[in-house]
Amino acid sequence: MKFFDDILKENNKYSLKRVIILTSFIFVIYLGSFITISDKILEKEVNRYAIDVFNSILLFLISLLGISETGKKFLNKNVPEENP
């Protein structure tokens, strides 16, 4: 559980952004695996809308990660450094 606490907590509180990122990542992996496996089993192309949903959630995840990293850079840039 320490692994999840380190990933999901920020200042000993759960971060909603991190929880959404982890949940979206797990769902994207699951949905991508389902599309790939059902393609092989059914031997026909999966509904195009399922692939569009996969792409949309993947873009959402990428943009959320980008926003998170950009926020960290701005936060670190705006915090004044202490000189001893």
N, C-alpha and C. Protein backbone atom coordinates (compact mmCIF):
# COMPACT_ATOMS: atom_id res chain seq x y z
N MET A 1 0.81 -1.19 0.00
CA MET A 1 0.00 0.00 0.00
C MET A 1 0.86 1.27 0.00
N LYS A 2 2.10 1.17 0.47
CA LYS A 2 2.95 2.35 0.48
C LYS A 2 3.20 2.86 -0.93
N PHE A 3 3.26 1.93 -1.89
CA PHE A 3 3.46 2.31 -3.28
C PHE A 3 2.32 3.23 -3.76
N PHE A 4 1.07 2.84 -3.47
CA PHE A 4 -0.07 3.66 -3.88
C PHE A 4 -0.14 4.96 -3.09
N ASP A 5 0.25 4.92 -1.82
CA ASP A 5 0.27 6.15 -1.04
C ASP A 5 1.28 7.14 -1.60
N ASP A 6 2.43 6.65 -2.03
CA ASP A 6 3.44 7.54 -2.61
C ASP A 6 2.98 8.13 -3.94
N ILE A 7 2.26 7.34 -4.71
CA ILE A 7 1.80 7.81 -6.02
C ILE A 7 0.61 8.76 -5.90
N LEU A 8 -0.35 8.41 -5.06
CA LEU A 8 -1.62 9.13 -5.04
C LEU A 8 -1.68 10.29 -4.05
N LYS A 9 -0.76 10.35 -3.10
CA LYS A 9 -0.83 11.38 -2.08
C LYS A 9 0.16 12.51 -2.36
N GLU A 10 -0.30 13.71 -2.03
CA GLU A 10 0.53 14.90 -2.13
C GLU A 10 0.34 15.65 -0.81
N ASN A 11 1.40 15.83 -0.06
CA ASN A 11 1.33 16.46 1.27
C ASN A 11 0.37 15.69 2.20
N ASN A 12 0.48 14.38 2.18
CA ASN A 12 -0.33 13.46 3.00
C ASN A 12 -1.83 13.56 2.74
N LYS A 13 -2.23 14.05 1.59
CA LYS A 13 -3.63 14.08 1.18
C LYS A 13 -3.73 13.50 -0.22
N TYR A 14 -4.82 12.80 -0.47
CA TYR A 14 -5.02 12.26 -1.80
C TYR A 14 -5.25 13.39 -2.79
N SER A 15 -4.56 13.33 -3.91
CA SER A 15 -4.71 14.32 -4.96
C SER A 15 -5.71 13.80 -5.98
N LEU A 16 -6.76 14.58 -6.21
CA LEU A 16 -7.80 14.16 -7.16
C LEU A 16 -7.22 13.97 -8.56
N LYS A 17 -6.31 14.84 -8.93
CA LYS A 17 -5.70 14.75 -10.26
C LYS A 17 -4.93 13.44 -10.41
N ARG A 18 -4.20 13.06 -9.39
CA ARG A 18 -3.43 11.81 -9.46
C ARG A 18 -4.33 10.59 -9.47
N VAL A 19 -5.42 10.63 -8.73
CA VAL A 19 -6.37 9.51 -8.71
C VAL A 19 -7.01 9.36 -10.09
N ILE A 20 -7.39 10.48 -10.70
CA ILE A 20 -8.00 10.43 -12.04
C ILE A 20 -7.00 9.91 -13.06
N ILE A 21 -5.73 10.33 -12.96
CA ILE A 21 -4.71 9.86 -13.89
C ILE A 21 -4.54 8.35 -13.76
N LEU A 22 -4.45 7.83 -12.54
CA LEU A 22 -4.27 6.39 -12.35
C LEU A 22 -5.48 5.62 -12.85
N THR A 23 -6.68 6.10 -12.54
CA THR A 23 -7.90 5.43 -12.98
C THR A 23 -8.01 5.43 -14.50
N SER A 24 -7.72 6.57 -15.12
CA SER A 24 -7.78 6.65 -16.58
C SER A 24 -6.75 5.74 -17.23
N PHE A 25 -5.55 5.68 -16.65
CA PHE A 25 -4.50 4.83 -17.20
C PHE A 25 -4.90 3.36 -17.17
N ILE A 26 -5.45 2.93 -16.05
CA ILE A 26 -5.88 1.53 -15.93
C ILE A 26 -7.00 1.24 -16.93
N PHE A 27 -7.95 2.18 -17.06
CA PHE A 27 -9.06 1.98 -18.00
C PHE A 27 -8.57 1.95 -19.45
N VAL A 28 -7.62 2.81 -19.80
CA VAL A 28 -7.08 2.83 -21.17
C VAL A 28 -6.37 1.52 -21.48
N ILE A 29 -5.60 1.01 -20.53
CA ILE A 29 -4.91 -0.28 -20.74
C ILE A 29 -5.94 -1.39 -20.92
N TYR A 30 -6.97 -1.40 -20.08
CA TYR A 30 -8.01 -2.42 -20.18
C TYR A 30 -8.75 -2.33 -21.52
N LEU A 31 -9.17 -1.13 -21.90
CA LEU A 31 -9.93 -0.96 -23.13
C LEU A 31 -9.08 -1.29 -24.36
N GLY A 32 -7.82 -0.89 -24.37
CA GLY A 32 -6.94 -1.22 -25.48
C GLY A 32 -6.72 -2.72 -25.61
N SER A 33 -6.55 -3.38 -24.46
CA SER A 33 -6.40 -4.84 -24.48
C SER A 33 -7.67 -5.52 -24.98
N PHE A 34 -8.82 -5.04 -24.54
CA PHE A 34 -10.09 -5.61 -24.98
C PHE A 34 -10.27 -5.46 -26.48
N ILE A 35 -9.96 -4.27 -27.01
CA ILE A 35 -10.10 -4.05 -28.45
C ILE A 35 -9.17 -4.96 -29.23
N THR A 36 -7.94 -5.09 -28.77
CA THR A 36 -6.97 -5.93 -29.47
C THR A 36 -7.36 -7.40 -29.41
N ILE A 37 -7.73 -7.88 -28.24
CA ILE A 37 -8.08 -9.29 -28.08
C ILE A 37 -9.36 -9.62 -28.85
N SER A 38 -10.36 -8.74 -28.78
CA SER A 38 -11.60 -9.04 -29.49
C SER A 38 -11.40 -8.98 -31.00
N ASP A 39 -10.45 -8.18 -31.48
CA ASP A 39 -10.11 -8.18 -32.90
C ASP A 39 -9.61 -9.56 -33.33
N LYS A 40 -8.75 -10.14 -32.51
CA LYS A 40 -8.17 -11.45 -32.85
C LYS A 40 -9.20 -12.57 -32.71
N ILE A 41 -10.05 -12.50 -31.68
CA ILE A 41 -11.00 -13.58 -31.44
C ILE A 41 -12.15 -13.53 -32.45
N LEU A 42 -12.72 -12.35 -32.66
CA LEU A 42 -13.88 -12.24 -33.54
C LEU A 42 -13.50 -12.23 -35.02
N GLU A 43 -12.25 -11.96 -35.31
CA GLU A 43 -11.71 -11.91 -36.67
C GLU A 43 -12.45 -10.90 -37.55
N LYS A 44 -12.94 -9.86 -36.93
CA LYS A 44 -13.51 -8.74 -37.67
C LYS A 44 -13.19 -7.47 -36.89
N GLU A 45 -13.29 -6.34 -37.56
CA GLU A 45 -12.93 -5.08 -36.93
C GLU A 45 -13.95 -4.70 -35.86
N VAL A 46 -13.43 -4.19 -34.77
CA VAL A 46 -14.28 -3.72 -33.67
C VAL A 46 -15.00 -2.46 -34.13
N ASN A 47 -16.11 -2.17 -33.52
CA ASN A 47 -16.87 -0.97 -33.83
C ASN A 47 -15.96 0.26 -33.78
N ARG A 48 -16.07 1.09 -34.76
CA ARG A 48 -15.20 2.27 -34.88
C ARG A 48 -15.37 3.20 -33.69
N TYR A 49 -16.57 3.25 -33.11
CA TYR A 49 -16.80 4.13 -31.97
C TYR A 49 -16.02 3.70 -30.73
N ALA A 50 -15.78 2.41 -30.56
CA ALA A 50 -14.97 1.93 -29.44
C ALA A 50 -13.54 2.43 -29.58
N ILE A 51 -13.03 2.44 -30.80
CA ILE A 51 -11.68 2.94 -31.03
C ILE A 51 -11.63 4.45 -30.82
N ASP A 52 -12.68 5.16 -31.20
CA ASP A 52 -12.75 6.60 -30.96
C ASP A 52 -12.77 6.92 -29.46
N VAL A 53 -13.51 6.13 -28.70
CA VAL A 53 -13.53 6.31 -27.24
C VAL A 53 -12.15 6.07 -26.67
N PHE A 54 -11.47 5.03 -27.13
CA PHE A 54 -10.11 4.74 -26.68
C PHE A 54 -9.19 5.93 -26.97
N ASN A 55 -9.24 6.45 -28.18
CA ASN A 55 -8.39 7.59 -28.54
C ASN A 55 -8.72 8.82 -27.72
N SER A 56 -9.99 9.06 -27.46
CA SER A 56 -10.39 10.23 -26.67
C SER A 56 -9.89 10.14 -25.23
N ILE A 57 -10.03 8.97 -24.62
CA ILE A 57 -9.57 8.81 -23.24
C ILE A 57 -8.05 8.89 -23.19
N LEU A 58 -7.37 8.37 -24.19
CA LEU A 58 -5.92 8.47 -24.24
C LEU A 58 -5.47 9.93 -24.37
N LEU A 59 -6.14 10.71 -25.20
CA LEU A 59 -5.83 12.14 -25.32
C LEU A 59 -6.12 12.88 -24.02
N PHE A 60 -7.20 12.51 -23.33
CA PHE A 60 -7.52 13.11 -22.04
C PHE A 60 -6.40 12.82 -21.03
N LEU A 61 -5.93 11.59 -21.02
CA LEU A 61 -4.87 11.21 -20.10
C LEU A 61 -3.58 11.96 -20.40
N ILE A 62 -3.23 12.06 -21.66
CA ILE A 62 -2.01 12.78 -22.05
C ILE A 62 -2.11 14.25 -21.69
N SER A 63 -3.26 14.86 -21.93
CA SER A 63 -3.40 16.28 -21.60
C SER A 63 -3.39 16.50 -20.09
N LEU A 64 -3.98 15.61 -19.32
CA LEU A 64 -3.96 15.74 -17.87
C LEU A 64 -2.55 15.59 -17.32
N LEU A 65 -1.78 14.68 -17.88
CA LEU A 65 -0.38 14.54 -17.46
C LEU A 65 0.42 15.79 -17.82
N GLY A 66 0.16 16.34 -18.99
CA GLY A 66 0.85 17.57 -19.40
C GLY A 66 0.51 18.74 -18.51
N ILE A 67 -0.76 18.88 -18.16
CA ILE A 67 -1.19 19.95 -17.27
C ILE A 67 -0.54 19.79 -15.90
N SER A 68 -0.48 18.56 -15.43
CA SER A 68 0.12 18.29 -14.12
C SER A 68 1.61 18.66 -14.10
N GLU A 69 2.33 18.27 -15.13
CA GLU A 69 3.76 18.58 -15.19
C GLU A 69 4.01 20.07 -15.37
N THR A 70 3.20 20.73 -16.18
CA THR A 70 3.34 22.16 -16.38
C THR A 70 3.09 22.91 -15.08
N GLY A 71 2.09 22.47 -14.32
CA GLY A 71 1.80 23.08 -13.03
C GLY A 71 2.95 22.95 -12.06
N LYS A 72 3.62 21.80 -12.08
CA LYS A 72 4.77 21.60 -11.21
C LYS A 72 5.91 22.54 -11.59
N LYS A 73 6.13 22.73 -12.88
CA LYS A 73 7.21 23.62 -13.33
C LYS A 73 6.93 25.07 -12.95
N PHE A 74 5.67 25.50 -13.12
CA PHE A 74 5.32 26.88 -12.74
C PHE A 74 5.41 27.07 -11.23
N LEU A 75 5.00 26.06 -10.47
CA LEU A 75 5.04 26.15 -9.02
C LEU A 75 6.49 26.25 -8.54
N ASN A 76 7.37 25.44 -9.11
CA ASN A 76 8.77 25.47 -8.73
C ASN A 76 9.44 26.77 -9.16
N LYS A 77 8.98 27.35 -10.26
CA LYS A 77 9.58 28.58 -10.76
C LYS A 77 9.16 29.78 -9.94
N ASN A 78 7.94 29.76 -9.41
CA ASN A 78 7.41 30.90 -8.67
C ASN A 78 7.78 30.90 -7.19
N VAL A 79 8.24 29.76 -6.68
CA VAL A 79 8.62 29.70 -5.26
C VAL A 79 10.03 30.26 -5.12
N PRO A 80 10.22 31.29 -4.31
CA PRO A 80 11.57 31.86 -4.16
C PRO A 80 12.50 30.91 -3.43
N GLU A 81 13.72 30.89 -3.87
CA GLU A 81 14.72 30.03 -3.22
C GLU A 81 15.26 30.74 -2.00
N GLU A 82 15.53 29.95 -0.97
CA GLU A 82 16.10 30.51 0.26
C GLU A 82 17.61 30.47 0.17
N ASN A 83 18.24 31.59 0.45
CA ASN A 83 19.69 31.66 0.47
C ASN A 83 20.18 31.59 1.91
N PRO A 84 21.05 30.63 2.23
CA PRO A 84 21.52 30.51 3.62
C PRO A 84 22.48 31.61 4.01
